[in-house]
Amino acid sequence: MAAPMVPRPARLDAGSPPRRETHTADGRAHVSTSEGMRLRGIRGATTVDANTREAILEATLELLTALIDANDVRREDVASVFFSTTPDVNADFPAVAAREHMGWTDIALMCTHEMEVPGSLPMCLRILMHVNTTKAPGELQFVYLRGAQVLRPDVSRRAD
C-alpha cells in the first residue's frame, strides 16, 4: 500500500518569487520566476567503453561537454558537480577529467558509486551538475549518450 501524500510545508512556498508561464515557438510551456539566478541541477549519463582510465576520462569529457553546450553553461556559473559510476567503473575518478582537462580546480567536484540494482545498466557514468542560471527547470536540457539513452529515451540525444 502506498504511503499517503504529505502536504507540502507552507514554508517552502513562503517567499518564493512570483512565477509566470510563457510558451516557446513550438508551444511548450515554460515556467519562470521574476527573480534572477537560481541554482539548478542538470543531469546526464553515458556509458564507458572499458574500465580504463582513458575510457572513463573520455566518456566524462564527452558528457560534460555535451551538458555545457546544450545548456550554454559558463564555467563561473558552475557551483558543483557530482559524478557517479556503477561499481564496475573504478579505474579512475571521473572528476579527474574536469580537473586535469578542463581546469576545474576551483569547483567542488565529488565522485561516488551508484547502488547495485539487479538488472541495471552496467558501465554507466552519471553527472549531476549544479549551475546558477536564469533558466526555468523546463528549459534545461538533460543529456543521455551512448548506451545510457535507454535510461531516459524521452530526453536522449546523441553527441554531435
N, C-alpha and C. Protein backbone atom coordinates (compact mmCIF):
# COMPACT_ATOMS: atom_id res chain seq x y z
N MET A 1 0.84 -1.17 0.00
CA MET A 1 0.00 0.00 0.00
C MET A 1 0.89 1.24 0.00
N ALA A 2 0.54 2.20 -0.83
CA ALA A 2 1.34 3.42 -0.96
C ALA A 2 1.16 4.30 0.26
N ALA A 3 2.24 4.98 0.61
CA ALA A 3 2.17 5.92 1.74
C ALA A 3 1.28 7.10 1.35
N PRO A 4 0.55 7.65 2.31
CA PRO A 4 -0.30 8.80 1.99
C PRO A 4 0.55 10.00 1.62
N MET A 5 0.01 10.83 0.76
CA MET A 5 0.71 12.04 0.33
C MET A 5 0.75 13.02 1.50
N VAL A 6 1.91 13.57 1.74
CA VAL A 6 2.08 14.55 2.80
C VAL A 6 2.03 15.92 2.15
N PRO A 7 1.22 16.82 2.70
CA PRO A 7 1.14 18.16 2.10
C PRO A 7 2.49 18.87 2.17
N ARG A 8 2.75 19.68 1.18
CA ARG A 8 3.99 20.45 1.12
C ARG A 8 3.96 21.49 2.22
N PRO A 9 5.04 21.56 3.01
CA PRO A 9 5.07 22.58 4.08
C PRO A 9 4.94 23.98 3.51
N ALA A 10 4.15 24.80 4.15
CA ALA A 10 3.92 26.17 3.68
C ALA A 10 5.21 26.96 3.60
N ARG A 11 6.16 26.68 4.47
CA ARG A 11 7.40 27.47 4.47
C ARG A 11 8.19 27.29 3.18
N LEU A 12 7.97 26.19 2.44
CA LEU A 12 8.66 26.01 1.17
C LEU A 12 8.13 26.95 0.10
N ASP A 13 6.88 27.36 0.23
CA ASP A 13 6.29 28.28 -0.73
C ASP A 13 6.45 29.73 -0.28
N ALA A 14 6.63 29.95 1.01
CA ALA A 14 6.73 31.32 1.54
C ALA A 14 7.96 32.01 0.98
N GLY A 15 7.78 33.18 0.48
CA GLY A 15 8.89 33.95 -0.02
C GLY A 15 9.35 33.56 -1.40
N SER A 16 8.68 32.60 -2.03
CA SER A 16 9.06 32.23 -3.39
C SER A 16 8.68 33.36 -4.33
N PRO A 17 9.51 33.61 -5.34
CA PRO A 17 9.20 34.70 -6.26
C PRO A 17 7.99 34.34 -7.11
N PRO A 18 7.30 35.35 -7.61
CA PRO A 18 6.15 35.08 -8.48
C PRO A 18 6.58 34.27 -9.70
N ARG A 19 5.71 33.38 -10.12
CA ARG A 19 6.02 32.54 -11.28
C ARG A 19 5.09 32.94 -12.43
N ARG A 20 5.63 32.87 -13.65
CA ARG A 20 4.79 33.12 -14.80
C ARG A 20 5.08 32.09 -15.87
N GLU A 21 4.05 31.77 -16.62
CA GLU A 21 4.18 30.77 -17.67
C GLU A 21 4.33 31.46 -19.01
N THR A 22 5.31 31.03 -19.80
CA THR A 22 5.48 31.52 -21.15
C THR A 22 5.49 30.32 -22.08
N HIS A 23 5.35 30.58 -23.37
CA HIS A 23 5.32 29.49 -24.34
C HIS A 23 6.36 29.74 -25.41
N THR A 24 7.05 28.66 -25.80
CA THR A 24 8.04 28.75 -26.86
C THR A 24 7.33 28.68 -28.20
N ALA A 25 8.08 28.89 -29.27
CA ALA A 25 7.50 28.87 -30.61
C ALA A 25 6.84 27.54 -30.94
N ASP A 26 7.34 26.44 -30.35
CA ASP A 26 6.74 25.13 -30.63
C ASP A 26 5.59 24.80 -29.68
N GLY A 27 5.17 25.77 -28.86
CA GLY A 27 4.02 25.58 -27.99
C GLY A 27 4.30 25.03 -26.61
N ARG A 28 5.57 24.70 -26.31
CA ARG A 28 5.89 24.16 -24.99
C ARG A 28 5.81 25.26 -23.94
N ALA A 29 5.26 24.92 -22.80
CA ALA A 29 5.14 25.89 -21.71
C ALA A 29 6.39 25.87 -20.86
N HIS A 30 6.81 27.04 -20.43
CA HIS A 30 7.94 27.19 -19.52
C HIS A 30 7.49 28.09 -18.38
N VAL A 31 7.83 27.68 -17.18
CA VAL A 31 7.51 28.50 -16.02
C VAL A 31 8.80 29.18 -15.59
N SER A 32 8.75 30.47 -15.42
CA SER A 32 9.92 31.20 -14.97
C SER A 32 9.54 32.07 -13.79
N THR A 33 10.54 32.56 -13.11
CA THR A 33 10.31 33.43 -11.98
C THR A 33 10.80 34.82 -12.33
N SER A 34 10.38 35.78 -11.57
CA SER A 34 10.83 37.14 -11.81
C SER A 34 12.18 37.39 -11.18
N GLU A 35 12.66 36.42 -10.44
CA GLU A 35 13.96 36.53 -9.80
C GLU A 35 15.05 36.17 -10.80
N GLY A 36 16.26 36.66 -10.59
CA GLY A 36 17.37 36.39 -11.50
C GLY A 36 17.86 34.97 -11.44
N MET A 37 19.08 34.80 -10.95
CA MET A 37 19.72 33.49 -10.95
C MET A 37 19.12 32.55 -9.91
N ARG A 38 19.05 31.28 -10.29
CA ARG A 38 18.62 30.20 -9.40
C ARG A 38 19.61 29.07 -9.53
N LEU A 39 19.81 28.31 -8.46
CA LEU A 39 20.65 27.12 -8.52
C LEU A 39 19.80 25.98 -9.06
N ARG A 40 20.25 25.37 -10.15
CA ARG A 40 19.51 24.28 -10.78
C ARG A 40 20.44 23.10 -11.00
N GLY A 41 19.87 21.91 -11.05
CA GLY A 41 20.63 20.70 -11.33
C GLY A 41 20.39 20.25 -12.75
N ILE A 42 21.47 19.91 -13.43
CA ILE A 42 21.39 19.40 -14.80
C ILE A 42 21.94 17.99 -14.79
N ARG A 43 21.14 17.05 -15.32
CA ARG A 43 21.51 15.63 -15.29
C ARG A 43 21.99 15.15 -16.64
N GLY A 44 22.83 14.13 -16.57
CA GLY A 44 23.26 13.46 -17.78
C GLY A 44 23.86 12.11 -17.45
N ALA A 45 23.94 11.25 -18.44
CA ALA A 45 24.55 9.93 -18.24
C ALA A 45 25.09 9.43 -19.57
N THR A 46 26.05 8.54 -19.46
CA THR A 46 26.64 7.89 -20.62
C THR A 46 27.15 6.53 -20.17
N THR A 47 27.63 5.76 -21.10
CA THR A 47 28.29 4.51 -20.76
C THR A 47 29.77 4.61 -21.10
N VAL A 48 30.56 3.81 -20.42
CA VAL A 48 32.00 3.79 -20.58
C VAL A 48 32.37 2.52 -21.34
N ASP A 49 33.23 2.66 -22.35
CA ASP A 49 33.58 1.52 -23.21
C ASP A 49 34.35 0.43 -22.48
N ALA A 50 35.19 0.83 -21.52
CA ALA A 50 36.01 -0.14 -20.78
C ALA A 50 36.37 0.47 -19.43
N ASN A 51 36.69 -0.38 -18.48
CA ASN A 51 37.08 0.11 -17.16
C ASN A 51 38.58 0.46 -17.17
N THR A 52 38.87 1.50 -17.93
CA THR A 52 40.24 2.01 -18.00
C THR A 52 40.22 3.50 -17.74
N ARG A 53 41.35 4.02 -17.31
CA ARG A 53 41.45 5.46 -17.06
C ARG A 53 41.07 6.24 -18.31
N GLU A 54 41.62 5.85 -19.44
CA GLU A 54 41.38 6.57 -20.69
C GLU A 54 39.90 6.57 -21.07
N ALA A 55 39.24 5.43 -20.96
CA ALA A 55 37.82 5.34 -21.34
C ALA A 55 36.95 6.15 -20.40
N ILE A 56 37.27 6.15 -19.12
CA ILE A 56 36.49 6.92 -18.14
C ILE A 56 36.64 8.41 -18.40
N LEU A 57 37.86 8.87 -18.61
CA LEU A 57 38.09 10.30 -18.85
C LEU A 57 37.47 10.73 -20.18
N GLU A 58 37.56 9.90 -21.20
CA GLU A 58 36.96 10.22 -22.50
C GLU A 58 35.44 10.36 -22.38
N ALA A 59 34.79 9.40 -21.74
CA ALA A 59 33.34 9.44 -21.59
C ALA A 59 32.92 10.64 -20.73
N THR A 60 33.68 10.93 -19.69
CA THR A 60 33.36 12.06 -18.83
C THR A 60 33.46 13.37 -19.59
N LEU A 61 34.53 13.57 -20.34
CA LEU A 61 34.70 14.79 -21.12
C LEU A 61 33.61 14.95 -22.17
N GLU A 62 33.26 13.84 -22.82
CA GLU A 62 32.20 13.88 -23.83
C GLU A 62 30.88 14.32 -23.20
N LEU A 63 30.53 13.74 -22.06
CA LEU A 63 29.27 14.08 -21.41
C LEU A 63 29.29 15.49 -20.83
N LEU A 64 30.36 15.87 -20.17
CA LEU A 64 30.45 17.24 -19.63
C LEU A 64 30.33 18.27 -20.74
N THR A 65 31.04 18.06 -21.83
CA THR A 65 30.98 18.98 -22.97
C THR A 65 29.57 19.07 -23.54
N ALA A 66 28.90 17.93 -23.67
CA ALA A 66 27.53 17.92 -24.19
C ALA A 66 26.58 18.67 -23.26
N LEU A 67 26.72 18.48 -21.94
CA LEU A 67 25.87 19.19 -20.98
C LEU A 67 26.11 20.70 -21.04
N ILE A 68 27.38 21.09 -21.11
CA ILE A 68 27.73 22.52 -21.18
C ILE A 68 27.18 23.14 -22.45
N ASP A 69 27.39 22.48 -23.58
CA ASP A 69 26.92 23.01 -24.86
C ASP A 69 25.40 23.08 -24.93
N ALA A 70 24.73 22.05 -24.47
CA ALA A 70 23.26 22.00 -24.55
C ALA A 70 22.60 23.06 -23.68
N ASN A 71 23.29 23.49 -22.62
CA ASN A 71 22.68 24.42 -21.67
C ASN A 71 23.38 25.77 -21.59
N ASP A 72 24.30 26.03 -22.50
CA ASP A 72 25.04 27.30 -22.51
C ASP A 72 25.62 27.63 -21.14
N VAL A 73 26.24 26.64 -20.52
CA VAL A 73 26.79 26.81 -19.16
C VAL A 73 28.12 27.54 -19.24
N ARG A 74 28.26 28.55 -18.41
CA ARG A 74 29.54 29.24 -18.26
C ARG A 74 30.24 28.70 -17.03
N ARG A 75 31.54 28.56 -17.10
CA ARG A 75 32.31 27.98 -16.00
C ARG A 75 32.03 28.68 -14.68
N GLU A 76 31.95 29.99 -14.69
CA GLU A 76 31.74 30.74 -13.45
C GLU A 76 30.36 30.50 -12.84
N ASP A 77 29.45 29.89 -13.58
CA ASP A 77 28.12 29.59 -13.06
C ASP A 77 28.00 28.19 -12.48
N VAL A 78 29.05 27.37 -12.61
CA VAL A 78 29.02 26.01 -12.07
C VAL A 78 29.33 26.06 -10.58
N ALA A 79 28.39 25.58 -9.78
CA ALA A 79 28.57 25.56 -8.32
C ALA A 79 29.26 24.29 -7.86
N SER A 80 28.84 23.14 -8.39
CA SER A 80 29.43 21.86 -8.03
C SER A 80 29.00 20.81 -9.03
N VAL A 81 29.72 19.70 -9.02
CA VAL A 81 29.40 18.59 -9.92
C VAL A 81 29.56 17.28 -9.15
N PHE A 82 28.52 16.45 -9.22
CA PHE A 82 28.57 15.10 -8.67
C PHE A 82 28.72 14.13 -9.83
N PHE A 83 29.70 13.27 -9.74
CA PHE A 83 29.92 12.22 -10.72
C PHE A 83 29.63 10.90 -10.02
N SER A 84 28.89 10.03 -10.67
CA SER A 84 28.70 8.69 -10.10
C SER A 84 28.92 7.67 -11.20
N THR A 85 29.36 6.50 -10.78
CA THR A 85 29.55 5.39 -11.72
C THR A 85 28.96 4.14 -11.10
N THR A 86 28.64 3.21 -11.97
CA THR A 86 28.26 1.90 -11.47
C THR A 86 29.53 1.26 -10.89
N PRO A 87 29.39 0.33 -9.97
CA PRO A 87 30.58 -0.24 -9.30
C PRO A 87 31.61 -0.88 -10.24
N ASP A 88 31.21 -1.22 -11.47
CA ASP A 88 32.14 -1.82 -12.41
C ASP A 88 33.03 -0.79 -13.12
N VAL A 89 32.85 0.48 -12.79
CA VAL A 89 33.68 1.55 -13.35
C VAL A 89 34.47 2.15 -12.19
N ASN A 90 35.74 1.72 -12.05
CA ASN A 90 36.52 2.17 -10.90
C ASN A 90 38.01 2.37 -11.19
N ALA A 91 38.37 2.44 -12.47
CA ALA A 91 39.79 2.58 -12.82
C ALA A 91 40.33 3.99 -12.55
N ASP A 92 39.44 4.97 -12.46
CA ASP A 92 39.86 6.34 -12.11
C ASP A 92 38.61 7.13 -11.73
N PHE A 93 38.86 8.29 -11.17
CA PHE A 93 37.78 9.19 -10.77
C PHE A 93 37.35 10.03 -11.97
N PRO A 94 36.06 10.08 -12.29
CA PRO A 94 35.61 10.93 -13.39
C PRO A 94 35.96 12.42 -13.17
N ALA A 95 36.02 12.85 -11.94
CA ALA A 95 36.34 14.25 -11.65
C ALA A 95 37.72 14.64 -12.18
N VAL A 96 38.60 13.67 -12.37
CA VAL A 96 39.93 13.95 -12.92
C VAL A 96 39.81 14.63 -14.28
N ALA A 97 38.83 14.22 -15.07
CA ALA A 97 38.64 14.82 -16.39
C ALA A 97 38.34 16.31 -16.26
N ALA A 98 37.48 16.67 -15.31
CA ALA A 98 37.13 18.08 -15.13
C ALA A 98 38.32 18.87 -14.59
N ARG A 99 39.06 18.29 -13.66
CA ARG A 99 40.21 18.98 -13.07
C ARG A 99 41.37 19.12 -14.06
N GLU A 100 41.80 17.99 -14.61
CA GLU A 100 43.01 17.97 -15.42
C GLU A 100 42.80 18.43 -16.86
N HIS A 101 41.64 18.19 -17.43
CA HIS A 101 41.43 18.51 -18.84
C HIS A 101 40.59 19.77 -19.07
N MET A 102 39.85 20.20 -18.06
CA MET A 102 39.03 21.40 -18.20
C MET A 102 39.48 22.51 -17.25
N GLY A 103 40.41 22.21 -16.36
CA GLY A 103 40.92 23.23 -15.45
C GLY A 103 39.98 23.58 -14.31
N TRP A 104 39.04 22.72 -13.99
CA TRP A 104 38.07 22.99 -12.93
C TRP A 104 38.66 22.65 -11.56
N THR A 105 39.68 23.36 -11.18
CA THR A 105 40.34 23.12 -9.90
C THR A 105 39.71 23.89 -8.75
N ASP A 106 38.88 24.87 -9.06
CA ASP A 106 38.24 25.68 -8.02
C ASP A 106 36.74 25.44 -7.93
N ILE A 107 36.27 24.35 -8.52
CA ILE A 107 34.86 23.96 -8.48
C ILE A 107 34.75 22.70 -7.63
N ALA A 108 33.76 22.63 -6.76
CA ALA A 108 33.56 21.46 -5.91
C ALA A 108 33.13 20.27 -6.77
N LEU A 109 33.94 19.22 -6.75
CA LEU A 109 33.68 18.00 -7.53
C LEU A 109 33.64 16.81 -6.57
N MET A 110 32.73 15.88 -6.80
CA MET A 110 32.59 14.72 -5.92
C MET A 110 32.28 13.49 -6.77
N CYS A 111 32.94 12.39 -6.43
CA CYS A 111 32.69 11.12 -7.11
C CYS A 111 32.11 10.11 -6.12
N THR A 112 31.23 9.25 -6.63
CA THR A 112 30.62 8.21 -5.80
C THR A 112 30.19 7.06 -6.71
N HIS A 113 29.77 5.95 -6.09
CA HIS A 113 29.22 4.82 -6.85
C HIS A 113 27.71 4.78 -6.71
N GLU A 114 27.06 4.31 -7.75
CA GLU A 114 25.61 4.10 -7.75
C GLU A 114 25.30 2.82 -6.96
N MET A 115 24.05 2.68 -6.58
CA MET A 115 23.60 1.45 -5.94
C MET A 115 23.70 0.29 -6.93
N GLU A 116 23.94 -0.90 -6.42
CA GLU A 116 23.97 -2.09 -7.26
C GLU A 116 22.56 -2.68 -7.34
N VAL A 117 21.81 -2.22 -8.31
CA VAL A 117 20.44 -2.69 -8.50
C VAL A 117 20.46 -3.80 -9.55
N PRO A 118 19.91 -4.97 -9.21
CA PRO A 118 19.91 -6.08 -10.18
C PRO A 118 19.27 -5.65 -11.51
N GLY A 119 19.95 -5.96 -12.61
CA GLY A 119 19.42 -5.65 -13.93
C GLY A 119 19.66 -4.23 -14.40
N SER A 120 20.34 -3.42 -13.60
CA SER A 120 20.56 -2.03 -14.01
C SER A 120 21.66 -1.95 -15.07
N LEU A 121 21.73 -0.82 -15.73
CA LEU A 121 22.68 -0.60 -16.82
C LEU A 121 24.11 -0.65 -16.30
N PRO A 122 24.95 -1.55 -16.84
CA PRO A 122 26.35 -1.61 -16.40
C PRO A 122 27.20 -0.54 -17.08
N MET A 123 28.39 -0.33 -16.56
CA MET A 123 29.39 0.57 -17.13
C MET A 123 28.81 1.97 -17.37
N CYS A 124 28.06 2.45 -16.41
CA CYS A 124 27.35 3.72 -16.55
C CYS A 124 28.01 4.81 -15.71
N LEU A 125 28.11 5.98 -16.29
CA LEU A 125 28.64 7.17 -15.63
C LEU A 125 27.56 8.24 -15.67
N ARG A 126 27.27 8.82 -14.51
CA ARG A 126 26.24 9.86 -14.42
C ARG A 126 26.84 11.14 -13.89
N ILE A 127 26.24 12.25 -14.29
CA ILE A 127 26.68 13.57 -13.81
C ILE A 127 25.45 14.35 -13.36
N LEU A 128 25.59 14.99 -12.20
CA LEU A 128 24.62 15.98 -11.74
C LEU A 128 25.41 17.26 -11.53
N MET A 129 25.18 18.23 -12.43
CA MET A 129 25.89 19.50 -12.38
C MET A 129 24.96 20.57 -11.81
N HIS A 130 25.42 21.23 -10.75
CA HIS A 130 24.65 22.32 -10.15
C HIS A 130 25.15 23.63 -10.74
N VAL A 131 24.23 24.38 -11.38
CA VAL A 131 24.62 25.63 -12.01
C VAL A 131 23.69 26.75 -11.58
N ASN A 132 24.23 27.95 -11.54
CA ASN A 132 23.44 29.15 -11.32
C ASN A 132 22.98 29.62 -12.70
N THR A 133 21.67 29.77 -12.85
CA THR A 133 21.12 30.09 -14.16
C THR A 133 19.81 30.86 -14.01
N THR A 134 19.47 31.58 -15.05
CA THR A 134 18.17 32.26 -15.09
C THR A 134 17.13 31.37 -15.76
N LYS A 135 17.55 30.22 -16.27
CA LYS A 135 16.63 29.31 -16.96
C LYS A 135 15.68 28.65 -15.96
N ALA A 136 14.47 28.44 -16.42
CA ALA A 136 13.47 27.70 -15.65
C ALA A 136 13.80 26.21 -15.78
N PRO A 137 13.34 25.38 -14.85
CA PRO A 137 13.64 23.95 -14.93
C PRO A 137 13.29 23.32 -16.28
N GLY A 138 12.18 23.71 -16.87
CA GLY A 138 11.78 23.14 -18.16
C GLY A 138 12.65 23.54 -19.33
N GLU A 139 13.50 24.51 -19.13
CA GLU A 139 14.39 24.96 -20.20
C GLU A 139 15.73 24.24 -20.19
N LEU A 140 16.01 23.51 -19.14
CA LEU A 140 17.28 22.80 -19.04
C LEU A 140 17.25 21.55 -19.90
N GLN A 141 18.38 21.23 -20.51
CA GLN A 141 18.50 20.07 -21.38
C GLN A 141 19.32 19.00 -20.68
N PHE A 142 18.69 17.89 -20.33
CA PHE A 142 19.41 16.76 -19.80
C PHE A 142 19.96 15.98 -20.99
N VAL A 143 21.12 15.35 -20.82
CA VAL A 143 21.79 14.70 -21.94
C VAL A 143 22.11 13.25 -21.56
N TYR A 144 21.66 12.33 -22.38
CA TYR A 144 21.93 10.90 -22.18
C TYR A 144 22.55 10.37 -23.46
N LEU A 145 23.79 9.91 -23.37
CA LEU A 145 24.57 9.49 -24.52
C LEU A 145 24.84 7.99 -24.50
N ARG A 146 25.30 7.51 -25.65
CA ARG A 146 25.72 6.11 -25.81
C ARG A 146 24.65 5.15 -25.29
N GLY A 147 25.07 4.14 -24.54
CA GLY A 147 24.13 3.15 -24.02
C GLY A 147 23.19 3.68 -22.96
N ALA A 148 23.49 4.84 -22.39
CA ALA A 148 22.63 5.43 -21.35
C ALA A 148 21.35 6.04 -21.91
N GLN A 149 21.22 6.08 -23.22
CA GLN A 149 20.00 6.60 -23.82
C GLN A 149 18.77 5.80 -23.39
N VAL A 150 18.97 4.54 -23.03
CA VAL A 150 17.85 3.70 -22.60
C VAL A 150 17.28 4.17 -21.25
N LEU A 151 18.08 4.90 -20.48
CA LEU A 151 17.62 5.37 -19.17
C LEU A 151 16.55 6.45 -19.28
N ARG A 152 16.69 7.31 -20.28
CA ARG A 152 15.74 8.41 -20.47
C ARG A 152 15.51 8.64 -21.96
N PRO A 153 14.80 7.71 -22.62
CA PRO A 153 14.58 7.89 -24.05
C PRO A 153 13.79 9.15 -24.39
N ASP A 154 13.09 9.69 -23.42
CA ASP A 154 12.32 10.92 -23.64
C ASP A 154 13.20 12.14 -23.83
N VAL A 155 14.44 12.11 -23.32
CA VAL A 155 15.32 13.28 -23.44
C VAL A 155 16.66 12.95 -24.07
N SER A 156 16.86 11.72 -24.52
CA SER A 156 18.17 11.30 -25.03
C SER A 156 18.48 11.98 -26.34
N ARG A 157 19.78 12.23 -26.52
CA ARG A 157 20.27 12.74 -27.79
C ARG A 157 21.69 12.24 -27.96
N ARG A 158 22.09 12.14 -29.19
CA ARG A 158 23.45 11.71 -29.49
C ARG A 158 24.36 12.94 -29.53
N ALA A 159 25.60 12.75 -29.14
CA ALA A 159 26.58 13.84 -29.24
C ALA A 159 26.82 14.13 -30.72
N ASP A 160 26.92 15.40 -31.05
CA ASP A 160 27.15 15.80 -32.45
C ASP A 160 28.57 15.57 -32.86
